[in-house]
PDB file of N, CA and C in Angstrom:
ATOM      1  N   MET A   1       0.809  -1.184   0.008  1.00  0.00           N
ATOM      2  CA  MET A   1      -0.030  -0.034  -0.003  1.00  0.00           C
ATOM      3  C   MET A   1       0.866   1.255   0.002  1.00  0.00           C
ATOM      4  N   ARG A   2       1.928   1.281   0.775  1.00  0.00           N
ATOM      5  CA  ARG A   2       2.824   2.391   0.852  1.00  0.00           C
ATOM      6  C   ARG A   2       3.546   2.591  -0.474  1.00  0.00           C
ATOM      7  N   LYS A   3       3.841   1.514  -1.137  1.00  0.00           N
ATOM      8  CA  LYS A   3       4.511   1.649  -2.453  1.00  0.00           C
ATOM      9  C   LYS A   3       3.590   2.285  -3.462  1.00  0.00           C
ATOM     10  N   ILE A   4       2.324   1.930  -3.362  1.00  0.00           N
ATOM     11  CA  ILE A   4       1.407   2.540  -4.321  1.00  0.00           C
ATOM     12  C   ILE A   4       1.275   4.058  -4.043  1.00  0.00           C
ATOM     13  N   TRP A   5       1.196   4.431  -2.818  1.00  0.00           N
ATOM     14  CA  TRP A   5       1.137   5.863  -2.441  1.00  0.00           C
ATOM     15  C   TRP A   5       2.343   6.582  -2.880  1.00  0.00           C
ATOM     16  N   ARG A   6       3.521   6.009  -2.653  1.00  0.00           N
ATOM     17  CA  ARG A   6       4.807   6.581  -3.073  1.00  0.00           C
ATOM     18  C   ARG A   6       4.842   6.780  -4.596  1.00  0.00           C
ATOM     19  N   LEU A   7       4.361   5.807  -5.349  1.00  0.00           N
ATOM     20  CA  LEU A   7       4.380   5.943  -6.780  1.00  0.00           C
ATOM     21  C   LEU A   7       3.398   7.075  -7.255  1.00  0.00           C
ATOM     22  N   ILE A   8       2.298   7.150  -6.594  1.00  0.00           N
ATOM     23  CA  ILE A   8       1.270   8.153  -6.926  1.00  0.00           C
ATOM     24  C   ILE A   8       1.788   9.561  -6.618  1.00  0.00           C
ATOM     25  N   LEU A   9       2.378   9.675  -5.422  1.00  0.00           N
ATOM     26  CA  LEU A   9       2.831  11.030  -4.998  1.00  0.00           C
ATOM     27  C   LEU A   9       4.308  11.408  -5.319  1.00  0.00           C
ATOM     28  N   LYS A  10       4.980  10.486  -5.994  1.00  0.00           N
ATOM     29  CA  LYS A  10       6.417  10.766  -6.337  1.00  0.00           C
ATOM     30  C   LYS A  10       6.480  11.958  -7.292  1.00  0.00           C
ATOM     31  N   GLY A  11       7.233  12.875  -6.856  1.00  0.00           N
ATOM     32  CA  GLY A  11       7.492  14.089  -7.676  1.00  0.00           C
ATOM     33  C   GLY A  11       6.308  15.062  -7.743  1.00  0.00           C
ATOM     34  N   GLU A  12       5.295  14.795  -6.933  1.00  0.00           N
ATOM     35  CA  GLU A  12       4.138  15.658  -6.955  1.00  0.00           C
ATOM     36  C   GLU A  12       4.211  16.616  -5.771  1.00  0.00           C
ATOM     37  N   LEU A  13       4.510  17.834  -5.971  1.00  0.00           N
ATOM     38  CA  LEU A  13       4.580  18.816  -4.883  1.00  0.00           C
ATOM     39  C   LEU A  13       3.180  19.486  -4.817  1.00  0.00           C
ATOM     40  N   GLY A  14       2.801  19.902  -3.643  1.00  0.00           N
ATOM     41  CA  GLY A  14       1.486  20.603  -3.504  1.00  0.00           C
ATOM     42  C   GLY A  14       0.269  19.674  -3.377  1.00  0.00           C
ATOM     43  N   GLN A  15       0.473  18.470  -3.048  1.00  0.00           N
ATOM     44  CA  GLN A  15      -0.599  17.547  -2.931  1.00  0.00           C
ATOM     45  C   GLN A  15      -1.282  17.578  -1.564  1.00  0.00           C
ATOM     46  N   ALA A  16      -0.650  18.264  -0.610  1.00  0.00           N
ATOM     47  CA  ALA A  16      -1.246  18.262   0.764  1.00  0.00           C
ATOM     48  C   ALA A  16      -2.593  18.986   0.862  1.00  0.00           C
ATOM     49  N   LEU A  17      -2.721  20.048   0.174  1.00  0.00           N
ATOM     50  CA  LEU A  17      -4.023  20.842   0.193  1.00  0.00           C
ATOM     51  C   LEU A  17      -5.128  20.042  -0.366  1.00  0.00           C
ATOM     52  N   PRO A  18      -5.047  19.481  -1.611  1.00  0.00           N
ATOM     53  CA  PRO A  18      -6.207  18.726  -2.101  1.00  0.00           C
ATOM     54  C   PRO A  18      -6.517  17.513  -1.288  1.00  0.00           C
ATOM     55  N   ILE A  19      -5.493  16.849  -0.760  1.00  0.00           N
ATOM     56  CA  ILE A  19      -5.752  15.612   0.036  1.00  0.00           C
ATOM     57  C   ILE A  19      -6.450  16.039   1.352  1.00  0.00           C
ATOM     58  N   THR A  20      -6.016  17.148   1.968  1.00  0.00           N
ATOM     59  CA  THR A  20      -6.660  17.650   3.180  1.00  0.00           C
ATOM     60  C   THR A  20      -8.048  18.038   2.923  1.00  0.00           C
ATOM     61  N   LEU A  21      -8.261  18.758   1.793  1.00  0.00           N
ATOM     62  CA  LEU A  21      -9.681  19.170   1.475  1.00  0.00           C
ATOM     63  C   LEU A  21     -10.590  18.001   1.206  1.00  0.00           C
ATOM     64  N   ALA A  22     -10.060  16.995   0.579  1.00  0.00           N
ATOM     65  CA  ALA A  22     -10.847  15.766   0.363  1.00  0.00           C
ATOM     66  C   ALA A  22     -11.200  15.071   1.661  1.00  0.00           C
ATOM     67  N   LEU A  23     -10.235  15.009   2.545  1.00  0.00           N
ATOM     68  CA  LEU A  23     -10.524  14.407   3.858  1.00  0.00           C
ATOM     69  C   LEU A  23     -11.561  15.188   4.690  1.00  0.00           C
ATOM     70  N   LEU A  24     -11.478  16.500   4.598  1.00  0.00           N
ATOM     71  CA  LEU A  24     -12.463  17.381   5.254  1.00  0.00           C
ATOM     72  C   LEU A  24     -13.880  17.193   4.634  1.00  0.00           C
ATOM     73  N   VAL A  25     -13.966  17.096   3.339  1.00  0.00           N
ATOM     74  CA  VAL A  25     -15.263  16.840   2.724  1.00  0.00           C
ATOM     75  C   VAL A  25     -15.808  15.487   3.148  1.00  0.00           C
ATOM     76  N   ILE A  26     -14.974  14.437   3.124  1.00  0.00           N
ATOM     77  CA  ILE A  26     -15.445  13.099   3.576  1.00  0.00           C
ATOM     78  C   ILE A  26     -15.885  13.135   5.014  1.00  0.00           C
ATOM     79  N   GLY A  27     -15.097  13.825   5.841  1.00  0.00           N
ATOM     80  CA  GLY A  27     -15.459  13.902   7.315  1.00  0.00           C
ATOM     81  C   GLY A  27     -16.755  14.709   7.452  1.00  0.00           C
ATOM     82  N   GLY A  28     -16.960  15.750   6.702  1.00  0.00           N
ATOM     83  CA  GLY A  28     -18.139  16.563   6.798  1.00  0.00           C
ATOM     84  C   GLY A  28     -19.383  15.781   6.345  1.00  0.00           C
ATOM     85  N   LEU A  29     -19.204  14.969   5.335  1.00  0.00           N
ATOM     86  CA  LEU A  29     -20.323  14.203   4.835  1.00  0.00           C
ATOM     87  C   LEU A  29     -20.707  13.010   5.722  1.00  0.00           C
ATOM     88  N   THR A  30     -19.771  12.589   6.480  1.00  0.00           N
ATOM     89  CA  THR A  30     -20.082  11.441   7.359  1.00  0.00           C
ATOM     90  C   THR A  30     -20.507  11.818   8.776  1.00  0.00           C
ATOM     91  N   ILE A  31     -20.186  13.031   9.136  1.00  0.00           N
ATOM     92  CA  ILE A  31     -20.493  13.424  10.572  1.00  0.00           C
ATOM     93  C   ILE A  31     -21.976  13.784  10.730  1.00  0.00           C
ATOM     94  N   VAL A  32     -22.596  14.315   9.691  1.00  0.00           N
ATOM     95  CA  VAL A  32     -24.030  14.680   9.794  1.00  0.00           C
ATOM     96  C   VAL A  32     -24.925  13.431   9.976  1.00  0.00           C
ATOM     97  N   PRO A  33     -24.756  12.450   9.114  1.00  0.00           N
ATOM     98  CA  PRO A  33     -25.578  11.270   9.375  1.00  0.00           C
ATOM     99  C   PRO A  33     -25.302  10.528  10.719  1.00  0.00           C
ATOM    100  N   SER A  34     -24.075  10.552  11.092  1.00  0.00           N
ATOM    101  CA  SER A  34     -23.789   9.911  12.388  1.00  0.00           C
ATOM    102  C   SER A  34     -24.390  10.688  13.559  1.00  0.00           C
ATOM    103  N   LEU A  35     -24.387  12.004  13.490  1.00  0.00           N
ATOM    104  CA  LEU A  35     -25.113  12.783  14.546  1.00  0.00           C
ATOM    105  C   LEU A  35     -26.630  12.552  14.532  1.00  0.00           C
ATOM    106  N   ASN A  36     -27.218  12.478  13.323  1.00  0.00           N
ATOM    107  CA  ASN A  36     -28.662  12.209  13.170  1.00  0.00           C
ATOM    108  C   ASN A  36     -28.929  10.860  13.834  1.00  0.00           C
ATOM    109  N   LEU A  37     -28.147   9.842  13.572  1.00  0.00           N
ATOM    110  CA  LEU A  37     -28.318   8.528  14.116  1.00  0.00           C
ATOM    111  C   LEU A  37     -28.227   8.576  15.652  1.00  0.00           C
ATOM    112  N   THR A  38     -27.274   9.321  16.192  1.00  0.00           N
ATOM    113  CA  THR A  38     -27.085   9.452  17.618  1.00  0.00           C
ATOM    114  C   THR A  38     -28.360  10.049  18.241  1.00  0.00           C
ATOM    115  N   PHE A  39     -28.789  11.206  17.698  1.00  0.00           N
ATOM    116  CA  PHE A  39     -29.950  11.853  18.292  1.00  0.00           C
ATOM    117  C   PHE A  39     -31.195  11.075  18.158  1.00  0.00           C
ATOM    118  N   SER A  40     -31.403  10.390  17.078  1.00  0.00           N
ATOM    119  CA  SER A  40     -32.650   9.507  16.949  1.00  0.00           C
ATOM    120  C   SER A  40     -32.577   8.360  17.922  1.00  0.00           C
ATOM    121  N   SER A  41     -31.381   7.823  18.155  1.00  0.00           N
ATOM    122  CA  SER A  41     -31.269   6.731  19.148  1.00  0.00           C
ATOM    123  C   SER A  41     -31.559   7.204  20.556  1.00  0.00           C
ATOM    124  N   VAL A  42     -31.156   8.392  20.901  1.00  0.00           N
ATOM    125  CA  VAL A  42     -31.410   8.982  22.229  1.00  0.00           C
ATOM    126  C   VAL A  42     -32.936   9.188  22.324  1.00  0.00           C
ATOM    127  N   LYS A  43     -33.550   9.729  21.326  1.00  0.00           N
ATOM    128  CA  LYS A  43     -34.975   9.949  21.322  1.00  0.00           C
ATOM    129  C   LYS A  43     -35.773   8.637  21.463  1.00  0.00           C
ATOM    130  N   ASN A  44     -35.398   7.643  20.761  1.00  0.00           N
ATOM    131  CA  ASN A  44     -36.058   6.300  20.820  1.00  0.00           C
ATOM    132  C   ASN A  44     -35.890   5.722  22.214  1.00  0.00           C
ATOM    133  N   SER A  45     -34.701   5.871  22.766  1.00  0.00           N
ATOM    134  CA  SER A  45     -34.507   5.254  24.130  1.00  0.00           C
ATOM    135  C   SER A  45     -35.324   6.002  25.168  1.00  0.00           C
ATOM    136  N   ARG A  46     -35.512   7.285  25.000  1.00  0.00           N
ATOM    137  CA  ARG A  46     -36.382   8.015  25.958  1.00  0.00           C
ATOM    138  C   ARG A  46     -37.798   7.576  25.808  1.00  0.00           C
ATOM    139  N   MET A  47     -38.276   7.388  24.579  1.00  0.00           N
ATOM    140  CA  MET A  47     -39.637   6.958  24.375  1.00  0.00           C
ATOM    141  C   MET A  47     -39.896   5.549  24.943  1.00  0.00           C
ATOM    142  N   LEU A  48     -38.876   4.710  24.745  1.00  0.00           N
ATOM    143  CA  LEU A  48     -39.025   3.360  25.271  1.00  0.00           C
ATOM    144  C   LEU A  48     -39.061   3.355  26.789  1.00  0.00           C
ATOM    145  N   GLU A  49     -38.237   4.238  27.446  1.00  0.00           N
ATOM    146  CA  GLU A  49     -38.148   4.342  28.859  1.00  0.00           C
ATOM    147  C   GLU A  49     -39.480   4.836  29.407  1.00  0.00           C
ATOM    148  N   GLU A  50     -40.167   5.822  28.736  1.00  0.00           N
ATOM    149  CA  GLU A  50     -41.430   6.303  29.163  1.00  0.00           C
ATOM    150  C   GLU A  50     -42.478   5.242  29.051  1.00  0.00           C
ATOM    151  N   GLY A  51     -42.441   4.461  28.018  1.00  0.00           N
ATOM    152  CA  GLY A  51     -43.404   3.380  27.799  1.00  0.00           C
ATOM    153  C   GLY A  51     -43.232   2.347  28.918  1.00  0.00           C
ATOM    154  N   ILE A  52     -42.008   1.973  29.296  1.00  0.00           N
ATOM    155  CA  ILE A  52     -41.765   1.004  30.326  1.00  0.00           C
ATOM    156  C   ILE A  52     -42.271   1.544  31.685  1.00  0.00           C
ATOM    157  N   LYS A  53     -42.026   2.800  31.943  1.00  0.00           N
ATOM    158  CA  LYS A  53     -42.477   3.414  33.186  1.00  0.00           C
ATOM    159  C   LYS A  53     -44.005   3.376  33.269  1.00  0.00           C
ATOM    160  N   GLY A  54     -44.639   3.599  32.153  1.00  0.00           N
ATOM    161  CA  GLY A  54     -46.144   3.555  32.154  1.00  0.00           C
ATOM    162  C   GLY A  54     -46.676   2.177  32.344  1.00  0.00           C
ATOM    163  N   THR A  55     -45.961   1.205  31.771  1.00  0.00           N
ATOM    164  CA  THR A  55     -46.355  -0.201  31.951  1.00  0.00           C
ATOM    165  C   THR A  55     -46.226  -0.579  33.438  1.00  0.00           C
ATOM    166  N   TYR A  56     -45.096  -0.209  34.043  1.00  0.00           N
ATOM    167  CA  TYR A  56     -44.889  -0.495  35.444  1.00  0.00           C
ATOM    168  C   TYR A  56     -45.919   0.164  36.335  1.00  0.00           C
ATOM    169  N   ALA A  57     -46.269   1.431  36.026  1.00  0.00           N
ATOM    170  CA  ALA A  57     -47.304   2.110  36.811  1.00  0.00           C
ATOM    171  C   ALA A  57     -48.696   1.425  36.696  1.00  0.00           C
ATOM    172  N   ALA A  58     -49.002   1.018  35.492  1.00  0.00           N
ATOM    173  CA  ALA A  58     -50.306   0.352  35.305  1.00  0.00           C
ATOM    174  C   ALA A  58     -50.328  -0.974  36.000  1.00  0.00           C
ATOM    175  N   GLU A  59     -49.228  -1.707  35.945  1.00  0.00           N
ATOM    176  CA  GLU A  59     -49.131  -3.012  36.571  1.00  0.00           C
ATOM    177  C   GLU A  59     -49.228  -2.817  38.122  1.00  0.00           C
ATOM    178  N   ALA A  60     -48.591  -1.802  38.657  1.00  0.00           N
ATOM    179  CA  ALA A  60     -48.629  -1.585  40.076  1.00  0.00           C
ATOM    180  C   ALA A  60     -50.022  -1.262  40.491  1.00  0.00           C
ATOM    181  N   GLY A  61     -50.782  -0.499  39.691  1.00  0.00           N
ATOM    182  CA  GLY A  61     -52.156  -0.172  40.015  1.00  0.00           C
ATOM    183  C   GLY A  61     -53.040  -1.411  40.045  1.00  0.00           C
ATOM    184  N   VAL A  62     -52.862  -2.268  39.066  1.00  0.00           N
ATOM    185  CA  VAL A  62     -53.619  -3.492  38.999  1.00  0.00           C
ATOM    186  C   VAL A  62     -53.329  -4.377  40.208  1.00  0.00           C
ATOM    187  N   GLU A  63     -52.022  -4.498  40.595  1.00  0.00           N
ATOM    188  CA  GLU A  63     -51.628  -5.296  41.753  1.00  0.00           C
ATOM    189  C   GLU A  63     -52.220  -4.741  43.012  1.00  0.00           C
ATOM    190  N   ASP A  64     -52.221  -3.398  43.144  1.00  0.00           N
ATOM    191  CA  ASP A  64     -52.867  -2.757  44.326  1.00  0.00           C
ATOM    192  C   ASP A  64     -54.363  -3.055  44.398  1.00  0.00           C
ATOM    193  N   ALA A  65     -55.055  -2.949  43.246  1.00  0.00           N
ATOM    194  CA  ALA A  65     -56.448  -3.270  43.248  1.00  0.00           C
ATOM    195  C   ALA A  65     -56.714  -4.715  43.615  1.00  0.00           C
ATOM    196  N   LEU A  66     -55.937  -5.577  43.079  1.00  0.00           N
ATOM    197  CA  LEU A  66     -56.145  -7.056  43.369  1.00  0.00           C
ATOM    198  C   LEU A  66     -55.860  -7.297  44.817  1.00  0.00           C
ATOM    199  N   TRP A  67     -54.845  -6.696  45.382  1.00  0.00           N
ATOM    200  CA  TRP A  67     -54.538  -6.933  46.799  1.00  0.00           C
ATOM    201  C   TRP A  67     -55.645  -6.370  47.678  1.00  0.00           C
ATOM    202  N   SER A  68     -56.154  -5.191  47.332  1.00  0.00           N
ATOM    203  CA  SER A  68     -57.271  -4.643  48.081  1.00  0.00           C
ATOM    204  C   SER A  68     -58.479  -5.501  48.013  1.00  0.00           C
ATOM    205  N   LEU A  69     -58.815  -6.076  46.909  1.00  0.00           N
ATOM    206  CA  LEU A  69     -59.988  -6.958  46.753  1.00  0.00           C
ATOM    207  C   LEU A  69     -59.737  -8.255  47.495  1.00  0.00           C
ATOM    208  N   ALA A  70     -58.539  -8.749  47.452  1.00  0.00           N
ATOM    209  CA  ALA A  70     -58.272 -10.023  48.136  1.00  0.00           C
ATOM    210  C   ALA A  70     -58.262  -9.920  49.698  1.00  0.00           C
ATOM    211  N   ASN A  71     -57.965  -8.720  50.201  1.00  0.00           N
ATOM    212  CA  ASN A  71     -57.910  -8.529  51.617  1.00  0.00           C
ATOM    213  C   ASN A  71     -59.150  -7.843  52.186  1.00  0.00           C
ATOM    214  N   GLY A  72     -60.099  -7.627  51.351  1.00  0.00           N
ATOM    215  CA  GLY A  72     -61.351  -7.020  51.797  1.00  0.00           C
ATOM    216  C   GLY A  72     -61.305  -5.543  52.100  1.00  0.00           C
ATOM    217  N   VAL A  73     -60.322  -4.849  51.570  1.00  0.00           N
ATOM    218  CA  VAL A  73     -60.171  -3.422  51.762  1.00  0.00           C
ATOM    219  C   VAL A  73     -60.656  -2.772  50.465  1.00  0.00           C
ATOM    220  N   SER A  74     -61.363  -1.689  50.621  1.00  0.00           N
ATOM    221  CA  SER A  74     -61.836  -1.030  49.415  1.00  0.00           C
ATOM    222  C   SER A  74     -60.665  -0.318  48.696  1.00  0.00           C
ATOM    223  N   PRO A  75     -60.554  -0.442  47.448  1.00  0.00           N
ATOM    224  CA  PRO A  75     -59.442   0.206  46.700  1.00  0.00           C
ATOM    225  C   PRO A  75     -59.519   1.695  46.830  1.00  0.00           C
ATOM    226  N   SER A  76     -58.401   2.351  46.990  1.00  0.00           N
ATOM    227  CA  SER A  76     -58.411   3.797  47.096  1.00  0.00           C
ATOM    228  C   SER A  76     -58.749   4.415  45.806  1.00  0.00           C
ATOM    229  N   SER A  77     -59.623   5.416  45.841  1.00  0.00           N
ATOM    230  CA  SER A  77     -60.029   6.081  44.613  1.00  0.00           C
ATOM    231  C   SER A  77     -59.194   7.373  44.392  1.00  0.00           C
ATOM    232  N   GLN A  78     -58.492   7.799  45.433  1.00  0.00           N
ATOM    233  CA  GLN A  78     -57.706   9.062  45.387  1.00  0.00           C
ATOM    234  C   GLN A  78     -56.242   8.674  45.513  1.00  0.00           C
ATOM    235  N   LEU A  79     -55.392   9.178  44.634  1.00  0.00           N
ATOM    236  CA  LEU A  79     -53.994   8.916  44.727  1.00  0.00           C
ATOM    237  C   LEU A  79     -53.360   9.786  45.840  1.00  0.00           C
ATOM    238  N   SER A  80     -52.370   9.151  46.542  1.00  0.00           N
ATOM    239  CA  SER A  80     -51.718   9.954  47.566  1.00  0.00           C
ATOM    240  C   SER A  80     -50.624  10.848  47.000  1.00  0.00           C
ATOM    241  N   ASP A  81     -50.100  10.567  45.828  1.00  0.00           N
ATOM    242  CA  ASP A  81     -49.079  11.316  45.197  1.00  0.00           C
ATOM    243  C   ASP A  81     -49.508  11.821  43.808  1.00  0.00           C
ATOM    244  N   ASN A  82     -48.792  12.812  43.341  1.00  0.00           N
ATOM    245  CA  ASN A  82     -49.067  13.212  41.986  1.00  0.00           C
ATOM    246  C   ASN A  82     -48.474  12.253  41.027  1.00  0.00           C
ATOM    247  N   ILE A  83     -49.110  12.076  39.862  1.00  0.00           N
ATOM    248  CA  ILE A  83     -48.581  11.176  38.826  1.00  0.00           C
ATOM    249  C   ILE A  83     -47.317  11.705  38.193  1.00  0.00           C
ATOM    250  N   ASN A  84     -47.232  13.010  37.956  1.00  0.00           N
ATOM    251  CA  ASN A  84     -46.082  13.610  37.328  1.00  0.00           C
ATOM    252  C   ASN A  84     -45.037  13.834  38.394  1.00  0.00           C
TER     253      ASN A  84
END
């Protein structure tokens, strides 16, 4: 691989600027999609976390109602805490 690069660049002065510009363009074109992927992954994980919390809250409510019915206690109709 080095031999190929040496043959290509042999006797060619001033190649640093075009190579640097090409690398900057490639980097610029690849960083935008990777940032979009990162932000969408964060958004999806937050939505998944909220869904899991909602499922756990609903399951806890059902368990509380079943426990109240099994022990002869009337289920509470008023929450002691705020939901949010």
